[in-house]
């Protein structure tokens, strides 16, 4: 079911992305105020680059926000292994 929904959503997005890239080929000059450097590139490439930077920043933010949860899961898994080991030892003693 999710594959069908993914396919239905991804085809129009892919079409719009390709259409945008083909349509906006004019060059733009990019610069950052305190620096004297300027970069000339197609508008579509500039916008895709900005989108990629924000996508990576969002992934990094999500990774940071979930760090305590991952640490808790790690310690829980470690505790489960310790308890399983103790349980196996107790079962071995009972069988003797």
C-alpha atoms as a PDB file:
ATOM      1  CA  UNK A   1       0.000   0.000   0.000  1.00  0.00           C
ATOM      2  CA  UNK A   2       2.777   2.431   0.931  1.00  0.00           C
ATOM      3  CA  UNK A   3       4.649   1.650  -2.277  1.00  0.00           C
ATOM      4  CA  UNK A   4       1.605   2.677  -4.316  1.00  0.00           C
ATOM      5  CA  UNK A   5       1.206   5.934  -2.376  1.00  0.00           C
ATOM      6  CA  UNK A   6       4.939   6.597  -2.680  1.00  0.00           C
ATOM      7  CA  UNK A   7       4.760   5.987  -6.433  1.00  0.00           C
ATOM      8  CA  UNK A   8       1.698   8.214  -6.850  1.00  0.00           C
ATOM      9  CA  UNK A   9       3.411  11.072  -4.983  1.00  0.00           C
ATOM     10  CA  UNK A  10       6.926  10.656  -6.372  1.00  0.00           C
ATOM     11  CA  UNK A  11       6.041  10.708 -10.085  1.00  0.00           C
ATOM     12  CA  UNK A  12       4.504  14.237 -10.053  1.00  0.00           C
ATOM     13  CA  UNK A  13       7.307  15.522  -7.799  1.00  0.00           C
ATOM     14  CA  UNK A  14       9.902  14.080 -10.167  1.00  0.00           C
ATOM     15  CA  UNK A  15       8.108  15.621 -13.154  1.00  0.00           C
ATOM     16  CA  UNK A  16       7.930  19.045 -11.475  1.00  0.00           C
ATOM     17  CA  UNK A  17      11.600  18.872 -10.465  1.00  0.00           C
ATOM     18  CA  UNK A  18      12.751  18.032 -13.983  1.00  0.00           C
ATOM     19  CA  UNK A  19      10.446  20.675 -15.445  1.00  0.00           C
ATOM     20  CA  UNK A  20      11.840  23.278 -13.027  1.00  0.00           C
ATOM     21  CA  UNK A  21      15.434  22.374 -13.848  1.00  0.00           C
ATOM     22  CA  UNK A  22      14.857  22.564 -17.594  1.00  0.00           C
ATOM     23  CA  UNK A  23      12.864  25.804 -17.426  1.00  0.00           C
ATOM     24  CA  UNK A  24      15.167  27.816 -15.132  1.00  0.00           C
ATOM     25  CA  UNK A  25      18.535  27.646 -16.858  1.00  0.00           C
ATOM     26  CA  UNK A  26      19.416  31.353 -16.666  1.00  0.00           C
ATOM     27  CA  UNK A  27      22.557  32.187 -14.714  1.00  0.00           C
ATOM     28  CA  UNK A  28      22.467  33.935 -11.361  1.00  0.00           C
ATOM     29  CA  UNK A  29      25.345  35.452  -9.410  1.00  0.00           C
ATOM     30  CA  UNK A  30      25.551  34.300  -5.799  1.00  0.00           C
ATOM     31  CA  UNK A  31      27.569  36.062  -3.145  1.00  0.00           C
ATOM     32  CA  UNK A  32      27.765  36.331   0.622  1.00  0.00           C
ATOM     33  CA  UNK A  33      28.102  39.856   1.987  1.00  0.00           C
ATOM     34  CA  UNK A  34      31.281  39.897   4.054  1.00  0.00           C
ATOM     35  CA  UNK A  35      33.208  37.827   1.525  1.00  0.00           C
ATOM     36  CA  UNK A  36      34.383  39.146  -1.853  1.00  0.00           C
ATOM     37  CA  UNK A  37      33.682  35.864  -3.668  1.00  0.00           C
ATOM     38  CA  UNK A  38      30.910  35.474  -6.215  1.00  0.00           C
ATOM     39  CA  UNK A  39      29.678  32.320  -7.906  1.00  0.00           C
ATOM     40  CA  UNK A  40      27.758  32.165 -11.169  1.00  0.00           C
ATOM     41  CA  UNK A  41      25.536  29.139 -11.709  1.00  0.00           C
ATOM     42  CA  UNK A  42      22.164  28.226 -13.192  1.00  0.00           C
ATOM     43  CA  UNK A  43      19.174  29.197 -11.051  1.00  0.00           C
ATOM     44  CA  UNK A  44      17.878  25.630 -10.821  1.00  0.00           C
ATOM     45  CA  UNK A  45      21.245  24.342  -9.583  1.00  0.00           C
ATOM     46  CA  UNK A  46      21.422  27.116  -6.980  1.00  0.00           C
ATOM     47  CA  UNK A  47      17.965  26.302  -5.632  1.00  0.00           C
ATOM     48  CA  UNK A  48      18.653  22.555  -5.606  1.00  0.00           C
ATOM     49  CA  UNK A  49      21.899  23.220  -3.718  1.00  0.00           C
ATOM     50  CA  UNK A  50      20.056  25.302  -1.129  1.00  0.00           C
ATOM     51  CA  UNK A  51      17.446  22.536  -0.829  1.00  0.00           C
ATOM     52  CA  UNK A  52      20.172  19.927  -0.352  1.00  0.00           C
ATOM     53  CA  UNK A  53      21.858  22.018   2.356  1.00  0.00           C
ATOM     54  CA  UNK A  54      18.570  22.411   4.248  1.00  0.00           C
ATOM     55  CA  UNK A  55      17.824  18.694   3.817  1.00  0.00           C
ATOM     56  CA  UNK A  56      21.194  17.817   5.368  1.00  0.00           C
ATOM     57  CA  UNK A  57      20.684  20.351   8.155  1.00  0.00           C
ATOM     58  CA  UNK A  58      17.259  18.854   8.890  1.00  0.00           C
ATOM     59  CA  UNK A  59      18.745  15.368   9.057  1.00  0.00           C
ATOM     60  CA  UNK A  60      21.455  16.579  11.418  1.00  0.00           C
ATOM     61  CA  UNK A  61      18.857  18.320  13.599  1.00  0.00           C
ATOM     62  CA  UNK A  62      16.751  15.130  13.722  1.00  0.00           C
ATOM     63  CA  UNK A  63      19.874  13.128  14.614  1.00  0.00           C
ATOM     64  CA  UNK A  64      20.684  15.536  17.472  1.00  0.00           C
ATOM     65  CA  UNK A  65      17.130  15.591  18.805  1.00  0.00           C
ATOM     66  CA  UNK A  66      16.962  11.773  18.885  1.00  0.00           C
ATOM     67  CA  UNK A  67      20.373  11.301  20.520  1.00  0.00           C
ATOM     68  CA  UNK A  68      18.948  10.841  24.060  1.00  0.00           C
ATOM     69  CA  UNK A  69      16.477   8.252  22.763  1.00  0.00           C
ATOM     70  CA  UNK A  70      19.240   6.325  21.008  1.00  0.00           C
ATOM     71  CA  UNK A  71      21.371   6.421  24.161  1.00  0.00           C
ATOM     72  CA  UNK A  72      18.452   5.124  26.245  1.00  0.00           C
ATOM     73  CA  UNK A  73      17.836   2.298  23.783  1.00  0.00           C
ATOM     74  CA  UNK A  74      21.531   1.402  23.856  1.00  0.00           C
ATOM     75  CA  UNK A  75      21.563   1.177  27.642  1.00  0.00           C
ATOM     76  CA  UNK A  76      18.305  -0.786  27.655  1.00  0.00           C
ATOM     77  CA  UNK A  77      19.748  -3.285  25.185  1.00  0.00           C
ATOM     78  CA  UNK A  78      22.864  -3.598  27.335  1.00  0.00           C
ATOM     79  CA  UNK A  79      20.732  -4.193  30.446  1.00  0.00           C
ATOM     80  CA  UNK A  80      18.634  -6.812  28.606  1.00  0.00           C
ATOM     81  CA  UNK A  81      21.802  -8.695  27.638  1.00  0.00           C
ATOM     82  CA  UNK A  82      22.997  -8.625  31.241  1.00  0.00           C
ATOM     83  CA  UNK A  83      19.640  -9.883  32.533  1.00  0.00           C
ATOM     84  CA  UNK A  84      19.510 -12.633  29.893  1.00  0.00           C
ATOM     85  CA  UNK A  85      22.972 -13.752  30.951  1.00  0.00           C
ATOM     86  CA  UNK A  86      21.938 -13.835  34.631  1.00  0.00           C
ATOM     87  CA  UNK A  87      18.771 -15.741  33.752  1.00  0.00           C
ATOM     88  CA  UNK A  88      20.755 -18.292  31.741  1.00  0.00           C
ATOM     89  CA  UNK A  89      23.158 -18.730  34.680  1.00  0.00           C
ATOM     90  CA  UNK A  90      20.265 -19.242  37.111  1.00  0.00           C
ATOM     91  CA  UNK A  91      18.618 -21.756  34.796  1.00  0.00           C
ATOM     92  CA  UNK A  92      21.921 -23.626  34.512  1.00  0.00           C
ATOM     93  CA  UNK A  93      22.218 -23.787  38.313  1.00  0.00           C
ATOM     94  CA  UNK A  94      18.626 -25.069  38.662  1.00  0.00           C
ATOM     95  CA  UNK A  95      19.204 -27.831  36.097  1.00  0.00           C
ATOM     96  CA  UNK A  96      22.204 -29.208  38.000  1.00  0.00           C
END
